Protein backbone atom coordinates (compact mmCIF):
# COMPACT_ATOMS: atom_id res chain seq x y z
CA UNK A 1 95.69 152.28 118.06
CA UNK A 2 97.69 155.39 117.07
CA UNK A 3 101.01 154.21 118.58
CA UNK A 4 101.96 151.40 120.95
CA UNK A 5 102.16 152.12 124.67
CA UNK A 6 105.90 151.55 124.53
CA UNK A 7 106.40 154.18 121.82
CA UNK A 8 104.19 156.70 123.61
CA UNK A 9 106.15 156.05 126.80
CA UNK A 10 109.44 156.83 125.02
CA UNK A 11 107.99 160.03 123.59
CA UNK A 12 106.88 161.10 127.07
CA UNK A 13 110.43 160.56 128.28
CA UNK A 14 111.62 162.71 125.36
CA UNK A 15 109.29 165.48 126.52
CA UNK A 16 110.53 165.24 130.09
CA UNK A 17 114.10 165.54 128.86
CA UNK A 18 113.19 168.69 126.91
CA UNK A 19 111.37 170.04 129.96
CA UNK A 20 114.52 169.76 132.07
CA UNK A 21 116.62 171.89 129.72
CA UNK A 22 114.55 174.81 128.39
CA UNK A 23 116.08 177.38 126.06
CA UNK A 24 114.57 180.78 125.36
CA UNK A 25 113.75 182.38 122.01
CA UNK A 26 116.71 182.47 119.64
CA UNK A 27 118.88 180.25 121.84
CA UNK A 28 117.34 176.84 121.08
CA UNK A 29 120.47 175.19 119.66
CA UNK A 30 120.57 172.23 122.06
CA UNK A 31 116.80 171.73 121.87
CA UNK A 32 117.06 171.60 118.08
CA UNK A 33 119.90 169.09 118.32
CA UNK A 34 117.81 166.79 120.53
CA UNK A 35 114.80 167.11 118.24
CA UNK A 36 116.89 166.37 115.15
CA UNK A 37 118.35 163.24 116.76
CA UNK A 38 114.88 162.02 117.70
CA UNK A 39 113.54 162.75 114.22
CA UNK A 40 116.43 160.94 112.54
CA UNK A 41 115.35 157.75 114.30
CA UNK A 42 111.99 157.97 112.48
CA UNK A 43 113.79 158.01 109.08
CA UNK A 44 112.23 161.02 107.36
CA UNK A 45 113.06 161.61 103.70
CA UNK A 46 114.77 164.84 104.62
CA UNK A 47 115.55 167.11 107.56
CA UNK A 48 116.01 170.81 106.83
CA UNK A 49 117.95 172.42 109.68
CA UNK A 50 118.96 175.98 110.53
CA UNK A 51 115.56 177.21 109.37
CA UNK A 52 114.92 180.78 110.51
CA UNK A 53 117.57 180.35 113.18
CA UNK A 54 117.51 177.07 115.09
CA UNK A 55 114.34 175.80 113.40
CA UNK A 56 114.15 172.49 111.59
CA UNK A 57 111.67 170.58 109.46
CA UNK A 58 111.27 166.87 108.82
CA UNK A 59 109.81 165.90 105.45
CA UNK A 60 107.88 162.66 104.85
CA UNK A 61 107.00 162.13 101.19
CA UNK A 62 104.37 159.92 99.63
CA UNK A 63 104.85 157.82 96.51
CA UNK A 64 102.64 160.04 94.34
CA UNK A 65 102.50 163.77 93.79
CA UNK A 66 100.14 165.74 95.96
CA UNK A 67 99.78 168.70 98.28
CA UNK A 68 102.11 169.56 101.15
CA UNK A 69 100.65 169.65 104.65
CA UNK A 70 102.70 171.48 107.27
CA UNK A 71 102.27 170.87 111.00
CA UNK A 72 104.03 173.27 113.36
CA UNK A 73 105.37 173.08 116.91
CA UNK A 74 107.58 175.52 118.84
CA UNK A 75 111.06 175.07 120.30
CA UNK A 76 111.37 177.81 122.90
CA UNK A 77 110.79 178.10 126.62
CA UNK A 78 110.32 181.12 128.89
CA UNK A 79 112.25 183.35 131.27
CA UNK A 80 110.21 182.13 134.23
CA UNK A 81 111.48 180.20 137.25
CA UNK A 82 109.69 176.86 137.53
CA UNK A 83 108.13 175.99 140.88
CA UNK A 84 107.39 172.27 141.09
CA UNK A 85 108.47 168.99 142.65
CA UNK A 86 108.54 167.16 139.32
CA UNK A 87 111.47 164.77 138.88
CA UNK A 88 112.03 166.39 135.48
CA UNK A 89 111.61 170.01 136.57
CA UNK A 90 113.77 172.63 134.86
CA UNK A 91 117.45 172.41 135.74
CA UNK A 92 118.11 175.87 134.28
CA UNK A 93 117.67 178.68 136.83
CA UNK A 94 115.15 181.28 135.74
CA UNK A 95 113.95 179.36 132.69
CA UNK A 96 111.12 176.89 132.16
CA UNK A 97 108.94 175.15 129.60
CA UNK A 98 105.88 176.75 131.13
CA UNK A 99 103.81 177.19 127.98
CA UNK A 100 103.81 173.56 126.84
CA UNK A 101 106.08 173.83 123.83
CA UNK A 102 107.86 170.71 125.06
CA UNK A 103 104.53 168.91 124.76
CA UNK A 104 103.87 170.31 121.31
CA UNK A 105 107.27 169.02 120.17
CA UNK A 106 106.43 165.61 121.63
CA UNK A 107 103.17 165.57 119.68
CA UNK A 108 105.03 166.19 116.44
CA UNK A 109 107.52 163.46 117.30
CA UNK A 110 104.57 161.08 117.73
CA UNK A 111 103.38 162.07 114.25
CA UNK A 112 106.91 161.51 112.89
CA UNK A 113 106.97 158.06 114.51
CA UNK A 114 103.67 157.14 112.84
CA UNK A 115 104.80 158.50 109.47
CA UNK A 116 108.09 156.64 109.76
CA UNK A 117 106.09 153.42 109.95
CA UNK A 118 103.70 154.36 107.13
CA UNK A 119 104.26 157.20 104.67
CA UNK A 120 101.33 159.13 103.20
CA UNK A 121 100.07 157.77 99.88
CA UNK A 122 100.74 161.08 98.11
CA UNK A 123 102.12 164.53 98.68
CA UNK A 124 104.31 165.51 101.61
CA UNK A 125 104.04 166.07 105.34
CA UNK A 126 106.34 168.73 106.78
CA UNK A 127 106.82 168.70 110.54
CA UNK A 128 108.14 172.15 111.43
CA UNK A 129 109.83 172.84 114.76
CA UNK A 130 109.82 176.63 114.83
CA UNK A 131 112.14 178.80 116.91
CA UNK A 132 111.34 182.00 118.79
CA UNK A 133 107.56 181.91 119.06
CA UNK A 134 107.50 183.59 122.45
CA UNK A 135 108.96 186.86 121.19
CA UNK A 136 107.12 186.83 117.85
CA UNK A 137 110.29 186.64 115.75
CA UNK A 138 110.30 182.96 114.78
CA UNK A 139 107.54 182.62 112.18
CA UNK A 140 108.76 185.70 110.31
CA UNK A 141 112.34 184.37 110.32
CA UNK A 142 111.25 180.96 109.04
CA UNK A 143 109.17 182.44 106.23
CA UNK A 144 112.00 184.80 105.24
CA UNK A 145 114.58 181.99 105.11
CA UNK A 146 115.31 180.92 101.49
CA UNK A 147 115.24 177.29 102.68
CA UNK A 148 111.52 177.66 103.44
CA UNK A 149 110.84 177.38 99.70
CA UNK A 150 111.85 173.70 99.99
CA UNK A 151 109.01 172.99 102.45
CA UNK A 152 106.42 175.57 101.38
CA UNK A 153 102.98 174.13 102.25
CA UNK A 154 99.57 174.08 100.63
CA UNK A 155 97.95 173.87 104.08
CA UNK A 156 99.30 174.57 107.58
CA UNK A 157 97.90 173.47 110.93
CA UNK A 158 99.02 173.71 114.53
CA UNK A 159 97.70 173.44 118.06
CA UNK A 160 98.16 174.98 121.47
CA UNK A 161 97.24 173.36 124.74
CA UNK A 162 94.57 175.30 126.61
CA UNK A 163 94.21 175.25 130.41
CA UNK A 164 90.65 176.06 131.43
CA UNK A 165 89.01 173.71 128.92
CA UNK A 166 88.14 170.09 129.66
CA UNK A 167 91.13 167.83 129.02
CA UNK A 168 91.03 166.45 125.48
CA UNK A 169 88.23 168.77 124.35
CA UNK A 170 89.06 170.98 121.35
CA UNK A 171 88.24 174.64 120.77
CA UNK A 172 88.15 175.57 117.09
CA UNK A 173 86.63 178.37 115.04
CA UNK A 174 87.03 180.18 111.74
CA UNK A 175 88.26 183.74 111.63
CA UNK A 176 90.26 185.62 114.27
CA UNK A 177 91.58 183.53 117.16
CA UNK A 178 94.50 185.59 118.55
CA UNK A 179 95.15 189.31 118.72
CA UNK A 180 97.92 191.24 117.04
CA UNK A 181 100.30 192.84 119.53
CA UNK A 182 103.64 194.60 119.74
CA UNK A 183 105.89 196.15 122.34
CA UNK A 184 106.40 199.91 121.89
CA UNK A 185 109.58 201.31 123.45
CA UNK A 186 109.73 205.09 123.84
CA UNK A 187 112.91 206.92 124.85
CA UNK A 188 112.68 210.61 125.73
CA UNK A 189 115.96 212.55 125.88
CA UNK A 190 116.35 215.97 127.45
CA UNK A 191 119.10 217.45 129.62
CA UNK A 192 119.98 216.89 133.26
CA UNK A 193 120.44 219.70 135.73
CA UNK A 194 121.03 220.19 139.43
CA UNK A 195 117.86 219.36 141.32
CA UNK A 196 117.89 222.87 142.82
CA UNK A 197 117.87 224.40 139.33
CA UNK A 198 115.50 222.23 137.27
CA UNK A 199 114.81 225.19 135.01
CA UNK A 200 118.35 224.88 133.65
CA UNK A 201 117.64 221.40 132.30
CA UNK A 202 115.08 219.80 130.02
CA UNK A 203 113.23 217.22 132.07
CA UNK A 204 110.92 214.63 130.49
CA UNK A 205 108.87 214.39 133.70
CA UNK A 206 105.63 215.97 132.54
CA UNK A 207 105.76 214.45 129.07
CA UNK A 208 106.23 211.03 130.62
CA UNK A 209 103.32 211.51 133.02
CA UNK A 210 100.99 212.65 130.25
CA UNK A 211 102.08 209.82 127.95
CA UNK A 212 101.39 207.13 130.55
CA UNK A 213 97.84 208.41 130.76
CA UNK A 214 97.50 209.32 127.10
CA UNK A 215 98.72 206.02 125.68
CA UNK A 216 96.46 204.07 128.01
CA UNK A 217 93.61 206.31 126.90
CA UNK A 218 93.95 205.11 123.31
CA UNK A 219 92.19 201.88 124.30
CA UNK A 220 88.67 201.23 123.04
CA UNK A 221 85.84 200.62 125.48
CA UNK A 222 84.06 198.03 123.35
CA UNK A 223 84.29 194.27 123.12
CA UNK A 224 86.75 192.07 121.27
CA UNK A 225 85.74 193.12 117.76
CA UNK A 226 87.38 194.82 114.79
CA UNK A 227 87.63 198.10 116.74
CA UNK A 228 89.23 196.53 119.80
CA UNK A 229 92.38 198.29 121.03
CA UNK A 230 94.30 198.01 124.29
CA UNK A 231 97.45 199.78 125.45
CA UNK A 232 99.12 198.46 128.60
CA UNK A 233 102.04 200.43 130.05
CA UNK A 234 104.36 197.69 131.30
CA UNK A 235 107.45 199.66 132.36
CA UNK A 236 108.48 203.26 132.97
CA UNK A 237 111.73 204.77 134.19
CA UNK A 238 112.55 208.41 134.86
CA UNK A 239 116.10 209.70 135.40
CA UNK A 240 118.52 208.15 137.85
CA UNK A 241 117.86 207.06 141.46
CA UNK A 242 119.39 210.23 142.94
CA UNK A 243 117.98 213.22 144.81
CA UNK A 244 120.42 215.79 143.44
CA UNK A 245 119.73 215.44 139.71
CA UNK A 246 116.81 216.75 137.71
CA UNK A 247 116.17 213.94 135.18
CA UNK A 248 117.22 214.17 131.56
CA UNK A 249 115.94 210.86 130.24
CA UNK A 250 112.84 208.70 130.47
CA UNK A 251 111.70 205.38 129.04
CA UNK A 252 108.19 204.07 128.61
CA UNK A 253 107.38 200.55 127.48
CA UNK A 254 103.85 199.76 126.37
CA UNK A 255 102.14 196.77 124.80
CA UNK A 256 99.74 197.58 121.99
CA UNK A 257 97.02 195.03 121.27
CA UNK A 258 94.29 194.84 118.62
CA UNK A 259 92.19 192.12 117.05
CA UNK A 260 93.22 192.93 113.48
CA UNK A 261 96.41 194.02 111.72
CA UNK A 262 94.56 196.96 110.17
CA UNK A 263 93.54 198.27 113.59
CA UNK A 264 97.13 197.82 114.77
CA UNK A 265 98.37 200.11 112.01
CA UNK A 266 95.91 202.76 113.17
CA UNK A 267 96.86 202.33 116.83
CA UNK A 268 100.57 202.61 116.02
CA UNK A 269 99.95 205.80 114.06
CA UNK A 270 97.90 207.38 116.86
CA UNK A 271 100.43 206.32 119.48
CA UNK A 272 103.37 207.74 117.57
CA UNK A 273 101.54 211.01 116.90
CA UNK A 274 100.85 211.39 120.61
CA UNK A 275 104.45 210.63 121.59
CA UNK A 276 105.95 213.06 119.06
CA UNK A 277 103.55 215.82 120.04
CA UNK A 278 104.44 215.52 123.72
CA UNK A 279 108.16 215.40 122.94
CA UNK A 280 107.92 218.50 120.78
CA UNK A 281 105.94 220.37 123.44
CA UNK A 282 108.69 219.70 126.02
CA UNK A 283 111.65 220.21 123.61
CA UNK A 284 112.70 216.56 123.95
CA UNK A 285 114.42 214.25 121.52
CA UNK A 286 112.48 211.03 121.03
CA UNK A 287 113.06 207.57 119.61
CA UNK A 288 110.40 204.89 119.12
CA UNK A 289 111.14 201.23 118.47
CA UNK A 290 109.17 197.99 118.46
CA UNK A 291 109.83 194.50 119.79
CA UNK A 292 107.80 191.29 120.21
CA UNK A 293 105.75 192.01 117.09
CA UNK A 294 102.87 189.57 116.53
CA UNK A 295 100.44 189.65 113.62
CA UNK A 296 96.81 188.67 114.09
CA UNK A 297 96.11 184.94 114.02
CA UNK A 298 93.19 184.18 111.69
CA UNK A 299 91.94 180.66 110.97
CA UNK A 300 91.23 179.96 107.29
CA UNK A 301 87.90 178.23 106.52
CA UNK A 302 89.58 175.55 104.36
CA UNK A 303 91.99 174.55 107.15
CA UNK A 304 89.27 174.64 109.81
CA UNK A 305 87.12 172.34 107.67
CA UNK A 306 89.93 169.76 107.52
CA UNK A 307 90.50 169.95 111.26
CA UNK A 308 86.78 169.54 111.99
CA UNK A 309 86.62 166.53 109.70
CA UNK A 310 89.58 164.96 111.52
CA UNK A 311 88.07 165.66 114.94
CA UNK A 312 84.78 164.08 113.93
CA UNK A 313 86.52 161.06 112.43
CA UNK A 314 88.51 160.56 115.64
CA UNK A 315 85.49 161.12 117.88
CA UNK A 316 87.10 164.10 119.63
CA UNK A 317 84.62 166.53 121.17
CA UNK A 318 84.91 170.09 119.94
CA UNK A 319 83.06 173.39 119.75
CA UNK A 320 83.57 176.91 118.43
CA UNK A 321 84.47 178.27 121.88
CA UNK A 322 82.03 181.18 121.93
CA UNK A 323 83.13 183.61 124.63
CA UNK A 324 86.66 182.17 124.69
CA UNK A 325 87.86 182.68 121.12
CA UNK A 326 89.16 184.99 119.89
CA UNK A 327 91.53 185.54 122.79
CA UNK A 328 93.54 188.60 123.72
CA UNK A 329 96.84 186.71 123.87
CA UNK A 330 99.04 186.67 120.76
CA UNK A 331 100.52 183.85 118.69
CA UNK A 332 102.86 184.14 115.71
CA UNK A 333 101.39 181.20 113.77
CA UNK A 334 99.10 183.72 112.05
CA UNK A 335 101.90 184.59 109.62
CA UNK A 336 101.63 181.17 107.97
CA UNK A 337 98.27 182.24 106.57
CA UNK A 338 100.19 184.61 104.27
CA UNK A 339 101.60 181.52 102.53
CA UNK A 340 98.67 179.08 102.49
CA UNK A 341 95.38 178.40 104.31
CA UNK A 342 96.15 177.75 107.97
CA UNK A 343 94.38 177.08 111.25
CA UNK A 344 95.25 176.50 114.89
CA UNK A 345 93.10 174.55 117.33
CA UNK A 346 93.23 174.65 121.11
CA UNK A 347 93.43 171.36 123.00
CA UNK A 348 92.00 171.41 126.51
CA UNK A 349 94.56 170.78 129.25
CA UNK A 350 92.02 170.58 132.08
CA UNK A 351 89.53 172.94 133.66
CA UNK A 352 91.62 173.36 136.82
CA UNK A 353 95.03 172.99 135.23
CA UNK A 354 97.59 175.74 136.04
CA UNK A 355 97.52 178.50 133.44
CA UNK A 356 100.10 179.02 130.73
CA UNK A 357 103.18 180.92 131.95
CA UNK A 358 102.35 180.06 135.57
CA UNK A 359 105.46 178.90 137.48
CA UNK A 360 103.74 175.58 138.36
CA UNK A 361 102.49 174.78 134.86
CA UNK A 362 103.35 171.43 133.25
CA UNK A 363 102.10 169.98 129.97
CA UNK A 364 99.75 166.98 130.50
CA UNK A 365 101.40 163.91 128.98
CA UNK A 366 98.11 162.35 127.95
CA UNK A 367 97.63 165.14 125.39
CA UNK A 368 100.53 163.76 123.34
CA UNK A 369 98.40 160.95 122.00
CA UNK A 370 95.34 163.22 121.60
CA UNK A 371 97.25 165.73 119.49
CA UNK A 372 99.10 163.08 117.50
CA UNK A 373 95.89 161.26 116.57
CA UNK A 374 94.24 164.46 115.36
CA UNK A 375 97.17 165.50 113.20
CA UNK A 376 97.57 162.02 111.75
CA UNK A 377 93.89 161.96 110.82
CA UNK A 378 94.34 165.27 109.00
CA UNK A 379 97.25 163.73 107.11
CA UNK A 380 95.40 160.53 106.19
CA UNK A 381 92.26 162.41 105.14
CA UNK A 382 94.17 164.72 102.79
CA UNK A 383 97.09 162.57 101.65
CA UNK A 384 95.85 159.03 102.20
């Protein structure tokens, strides 16, 4: 048995408590405090706090030297109103743990509980609770933090629950698993005028209209391969809501999405060239900025091999998810591959389970033990 029923029950209660009080990216101070208190009860050798913001890492060391295995979960919730009758539903208006990060944290607490009872024979296990995954800023901030050198891994693994797959079944493959994406914010500045004399102003109207079509037209028509590109205009605003003013300003927000980082560089270049050409043609000032920047997520063969070995040892069904992976959605765990081999697997939440980011989503509690067993088997296989 991985953990006793009593311990699993307490960890489920911990998840429910997190679920009631979600905090969004960059604001996870109270969540981190609760996680640190729960980790302290498992008696790790060290807790590194304030990592990349509100992140923290618990370190469990073996008696002998050996590699460092890092396992990551996320701290943040979403700006989505929860719709449910759960006794532990979100108590924070407009915010919810509707991606399952509360469950991922609970899984890592289960691993901490097991490691507290029995350390690895060698090396170190680092349980990383990362901030700001939802906006793509957290992994980069953690890796840039000087304190990360203290927990730098030789191998990194993580999971994400996956509605649509049979509960407890794992999807895992080498190579690309999540797309790169970024939010492109375009601001066009001209000059207002009286609506009866638009010729006396510099209106961004036509540039904006052409850019909405032109940016969308940068998408590829092929499948999800190395040439895949998608541009989705998510917001546009022209002038002020008034009938007497010819507009002088416009904003366009667009999400750029590619399978690879190299294709993203090309798409950014083409997008910026188009924007600047339209601005110049209409005598407009232009600024371009980026938010929610996610690198591609690419599973390393070495890390996938260790995960497959653990899944087989634990008797967990798995496949390479042909037709499902890679997926168009983004995930910032891909940055950890720049430090060491890394891989993420996807743990089925149920074929009819509400989708991620749905207002009625809730993480299935039974996945806590599933995820914990898999991670612990990885640890025991590598570190003993």
